[in-house]
């Protein structure tokens, strides 16, 4: 009901958005509330990212399989920040285009380009200096 939604907005504003008076909350528009909640959720993603980064560093000395290989090959296997941001933004923005897929494609292109350059350094063509 309307009363329950209104109560939830007030409660979330006091608990998560650092409001201190109902007068401030009641003056806020729904669009502002949704934007503030999106920002709050993005802050949570950053906190998760920070925690995951710390855990990633701690695991470097510990997480190996039976053959002695690292369990996680790279950090995104452990915590995919772009996907977490995509999830938050897609809940708030109906026309949001996910960045995670773009990032993965760009990352593959960057790796391929780097490998080509390394190969060219190791195997220069005749006449190249």
C-alpha atoms as a PDB file:
ATOM      1  CA  UNK A   1       0.000   0.000   0.000  1.00  0.00           C
ATOM      2  CA  UNK A   2       0.949   3.655  -0.288  1.00  0.00           C
ATOM      3  CA  UNK A   3       1.464   3.931   3.472  1.00  0.00           C
ATOM      4  CA  UNK A   4       3.865   0.971   3.493  1.00  0.00           C
ATOM      5  CA  UNK A   5       5.882   2.395   0.592  1.00  0.00           C
ATOM      6  CA  UNK A   6       6.007   5.810   2.246  1.00  0.00           C
ATOM      7  CA  UNK A   7       7.181   4.215   5.503  1.00  0.00           C
ATOM      8  CA  UNK A   8       9.849   2.221   3.630  1.00  0.00           C
ATOM      9  CA  UNK A   9      11.138   5.387   1.923  1.00  0.00           C
ATOM     10  CA  UNK A  10      11.349   7.150   5.281  1.00  0.00           C
ATOM     11  CA  UNK A  11      13.030   4.163   6.946  1.00  0.00           C
ATOM     12  CA  UNK A  12      15.581   3.703   4.148  1.00  0.00           C
ATOM     13  CA  UNK A  13      16.313   7.423   4.127  1.00  0.00           C
ATOM     14  CA  UNK A  14      17.018   7.446   7.848  1.00  0.00           C
ATOM     15  CA  UNK A  15      18.908   4.133   7.910  1.00  0.00           C
ATOM     16  CA  UNK A  16      20.960   4.356   4.721  1.00  0.00           C
ATOM     17  CA  UNK A  17      20.881   7.847   3.219  1.00  0.00           C
ATOM     18  CA  UNK A  18      22.041   9.865   6.249  1.00  0.00           C
ATOM     19  CA  UNK A  19      18.825  11.846   6.645  1.00  0.00           C
ATOM     20  CA  UNK A  20      18.114  13.100  10.149  1.00  0.00           C
ATOM     21  CA  UNK A  21      14.638  14.601   9.891  1.00  0.00           C
ATOM     22  CA  UNK A  22      11.349  13.529   8.397  1.00  0.00           C
ATOM     23  CA  UNK A  23      10.908  17.063   7.052  1.00  0.00           C
ATOM     24  CA  UNK A  24      14.002  16.585   4.828  1.00  0.00           C
ATOM     25  CA  UNK A  25      12.738  13.191   3.662  1.00  0.00           C
ATOM     26  CA  UNK A  26       9.240  14.473   2.900  1.00  0.00           C
ATOM     27  CA  UNK A  27      10.709  17.294   0.778  1.00  0.00           C
ATOM     28  CA  UNK A  28      12.570  14.794  -1.407  1.00  0.00           C
ATOM     29  CA  UNK A  29      11.033  13.723  -4.738  1.00  0.00           C
ATOM     30  CA  UNK A  30      10.681  10.065  -5.725  1.00  0.00           C
ATOM     31  CA  UNK A  31      13.254  10.617  -8.505  1.00  0.00           C
ATOM     32  CA  UNK A  32      15.733  12.025  -5.962  1.00  0.00           C
ATOM     33  CA  UNK A  33      15.054   9.123  -3.586  1.00  0.00           C
ATOM     34  CA  UNK A  34      15.687   6.564  -6.347  1.00  0.00           C
ATOM     35  CA  UNK A  35      18.893   8.339  -7.382  1.00  0.00           C
ATOM     36  CA  UNK A  36      20.106   8.427  -3.773  1.00  0.00           C
ATOM     37  CA  UNK A  37      19.294   4.725  -3.323  1.00  0.00           C
ATOM     38  CA  UNK A  38      21.177   3.885  -6.524  1.00  0.00           C
ATOM     39  CA  UNK A  39      24.167   5.874  -5.248  1.00  0.00           C
ATOM     40  CA  UNK A  40      23.950   4.074  -1.901  1.00  0.00           C
ATOM     41  CA  UNK A  41      23.925   0.684  -3.650  1.00  0.00           C
ATOM     42  CA  UNK A  42      26.941   1.709  -5.754  1.00  0.00           C
ATOM     43  CA  UNK A  43      28.733   2.629  -2.525  1.00  0.00           C
ATOM     44  CA  UNK A  44      27.976  -0.881  -1.268  1.00  0.00           C
ATOM     45  CA  UNK A  45      29.521  -2.308  -4.448  1.00  0.00           C
ATOM     46  CA  UNK A  46      32.660  -0.253  -3.761  1.00  0.00           C
ATOM     47  CA  UNK A  47      32.793  -1.586  -0.195  1.00  0.00           C
ATOM     48  CA  UNK A  48      32.413  -5.134  -1.528  1.00  0.00           C
ATOM     49  CA  UNK A  49      35.150  -4.398  -4.052  1.00  0.00           C
ATOM     50  CA  UNK A  50      37.451  -3.157  -1.291  1.00  0.00           C
ATOM     51  CA  UNK A  51      36.745  -6.257   0.802  1.00  0.00           C
ATOM     52  CA  UNK A  52      37.247  -8.526  -2.183  1.00  0.00           C
ATOM     53  CA  UNK A  53      40.522  -6.787  -3.021  1.00  0.00           C
ATOM     54  CA  UNK A  54      41.776  -7.411   0.508  1.00  0.00           C
ATOM     55  CA  UNK A  55      40.669 -11.039   0.353  1.00  0.00           C
ATOM     56  CA  UNK A  56      42.350 -11.371  -3.069  1.00  0.00           C
ATOM     57  CA  UNK A  57      45.620 -10.155  -1.631  1.00  0.00           C
ATOM     58  CA  UNK A  58      45.313 -12.551   1.304  1.00  0.00           C
ATOM     59  CA  UNK A  59      44.548 -15.492  -0.941  1.00  0.00           C
ATOM     60  CA  UNK A  60      47.648 -15.014  -3.091  1.00  0.00           C
ATOM     61  CA  UNK A  61      49.710 -16.898  -0.544  1.00  0.00           C
ATOM     62  CA  UNK A  62      47.050 -19.506   0.227  1.00  0.00           C
ATOM     63  CA  UNK A  63      44.664 -20.588  -2.547  1.00  0.00           C
ATOM     64  CA  UNK A  64      46.265 -23.299  -4.652  1.00  0.00           C
ATOM     65  CA  UNK A  65      44.868 -26.494  -6.105  1.00  0.00           C
ATOM     66  CA  UNK A  66      46.365 -29.959  -5.556  1.00  0.00           C
ATOM     67  CA  UNK A  67      48.869 -29.340  -8.380  1.00  0.00           C
ATOM     68  CA  UNK A  68      50.052 -26.074  -6.843  1.00  0.00           C
ATOM     69  CA  UNK A  69      48.215 -23.810  -9.297  1.00  0.00           C
ATOM     70  CA  UNK A  70      46.309 -20.711  -8.193  1.00  0.00           C
ATOM     71  CA  UNK A  71      42.592 -21.404  -7.883  1.00  0.00           C
ATOM     72  CA  UNK A  72      41.626 -17.983  -9.288  1.00  0.00           C
ATOM     73  CA  UNK A  73      43.442 -17.091 -12.482  1.00  0.00           C
ATOM     74  CA  UNK A  74      42.645 -13.389 -12.223  1.00  0.00           C
ATOM     75  CA  UNK A  75      40.834 -11.015  -9.910  1.00  0.00           C
ATOM     76  CA  UNK A  76      37.596 -10.879 -11.946  1.00  0.00           C
ATOM     77  CA  UNK A  77      37.141 -14.617 -11.376  1.00  0.00           C
ATOM     78  CA  UNK A  78      36.986 -13.710  -7.695  1.00  0.00           C
ATOM     79  CA  UNK A  79      34.925 -10.489  -7.845  1.00  0.00           C
ATOM     80  CA  UNK A  80      33.462  -9.024 -11.025  1.00  0.00           C
ATOM     81  CA  UNK A  81      33.024  -5.359 -10.128  1.00  0.00           C
ATOM     82  CA  UNK A  82      31.563  -4.400 -13.520  1.00  0.00           C
ATOM     83  CA  UNK A  83      28.852  -7.051 -13.203  1.00  0.00           C
ATOM     84  CA  UNK A  84      28.020  -5.853  -9.696  1.00  0.00           C
ATOM     85  CA  UNK A  85      27.705  -2.260 -10.962  1.00  0.00           C
ATOM     86  CA  UNK A  86      25.601  -3.484 -13.902  1.00  0.00           C
ATOM     87  CA  UNK A  87      23.240  -5.219 -11.504  1.00  0.00           C
ATOM     88  CA  UNK A  88      22.723  -2.077  -9.412  1.00  0.00           C
ATOM     89  CA  UNK A  89      22.312   0.280 -12.364  1.00  0.00           C
ATOM     90  CA  UNK A  90      19.960  -2.031 -14.286  1.00  0.00           C
ATOM     91  CA  UNK A  91      17.648  -2.033 -11.257  1.00  0.00           C
ATOM     92  CA  UNK A  92      17.406   1.758 -11.377  1.00  0.00           C
ATOM     93  CA  UNK A  93      17.797   2.631 -15.071  1.00  0.00           C
ATOM     94  CA  UNK A  94      15.411   0.976 -17.522  1.00  0.00           C
ATOM     95  CA  UNK A  95      17.574   1.784 -20.570  1.00  0.00           C
ATOM     96  CA  UNK A  96      20.899   0.889 -18.941  1.00  0.00           C
ATOM     97  CA  UNK A  97      23.438  -0.881 -21.168  1.00  0.00           C
ATOM     98  CA  UNK A  98      25.679  -3.303 -19.198  1.00  0.00           C
ATOM     99  CA  UNK A  99      29.387  -2.446 -19.129  1.00  0.00           C
ATOM    100  CA  UNK A 100      30.629  -5.877 -18.085  1.00  0.00           C
ATOM    101  CA  UNK A 101      30.299  -7.403 -21.557  1.00  0.00           C
ATOM    102  CA  UNK A 102      31.984  -4.385 -23.163  1.00  0.00           C
ATOM    103  CA  UNK A 103      34.843  -4.588 -20.664  1.00  0.00           C
ATOM    104  CA  UNK A 104      35.430  -8.296 -21.274  1.00  0.00           C
ATOM    105  CA  UNK A 105      35.492  -7.774 -25.044  1.00  0.00           C
ATOM    106  CA  UNK A 106      37.863  -4.802 -24.708  1.00  0.00           C
ATOM    107  CA  UNK A 107      40.056  -6.778 -22.306  1.00  0.00           C
ATOM    108  CA  UNK A 108      40.376  -9.615 -24.852  1.00  0.00           C
ATOM    109  CA  UNK A 109      41.309  -7.092 -27.540  1.00  0.00           C
ATOM    110  CA  UNK A 110      43.923  -5.503 -25.260  1.00  0.00           C
ATOM    111  CA  UNK A 111      45.448  -8.909 -24.469  1.00  0.00           C
ATOM    112  CA  UNK A 112      45.599  -9.857 -28.141  1.00  0.00           C
ATOM    113  CA  UNK A 113      47.205  -6.528 -29.080  1.00  0.00           C
ATOM    114  CA  UNK A 114      49.761  -6.901 -26.269  1.00  0.00           C
ATOM    115  CA  UNK A 115      50.647 -10.430 -27.434  1.00  0.00           C
ATOM    116  CA  UNK A 116      51.080  -9.262 -31.021  1.00  0.00           C
ATOM    117  CA  UNK A 117      53.410  -6.470 -29.903  1.00  0.00           C
ATOM    118  CA  UNK A 118      55.434  -8.863 -27.730  1.00  0.00           C
ATOM    119  CA  UNK A 119      55.735 -11.290 -30.644  1.00  0.00           C
ATOM    120  CA  UNK A 120      56.844  -8.502 -32.947  1.00  0.00           C
ATOM    121  CA  UNK A 121      59.547  -7.483 -30.440  1.00  0.00           C
ATOM    122  CA  UNK A 122      60.815 -11.040 -30.165  1.00  0.00           C
ATOM    123  CA  UNK A 123      60.602 -11.756 -33.907  1.00  0.00           C
ATOM    124  CA  UNK A 124      61.332  -8.539 -35.831  1.00  0.00           C
ATOM    125  CA  UNK A 125      60.959  -8.597 -39.580  1.00  0.00           C
ATOM    126  CA  UNK A 126      64.139  -8.414 -41.618  1.00  0.00           C
ATOM    127  CA  UNK A 127      65.175  -4.830 -42.177  1.00  0.00           C
ATOM    128  CA  UNK A 128      63.307  -3.560 -39.071  1.00  0.00           C
ATOM    129  CA  UNK A 129      65.492  -2.131 -36.335  1.00  0.00           C
END
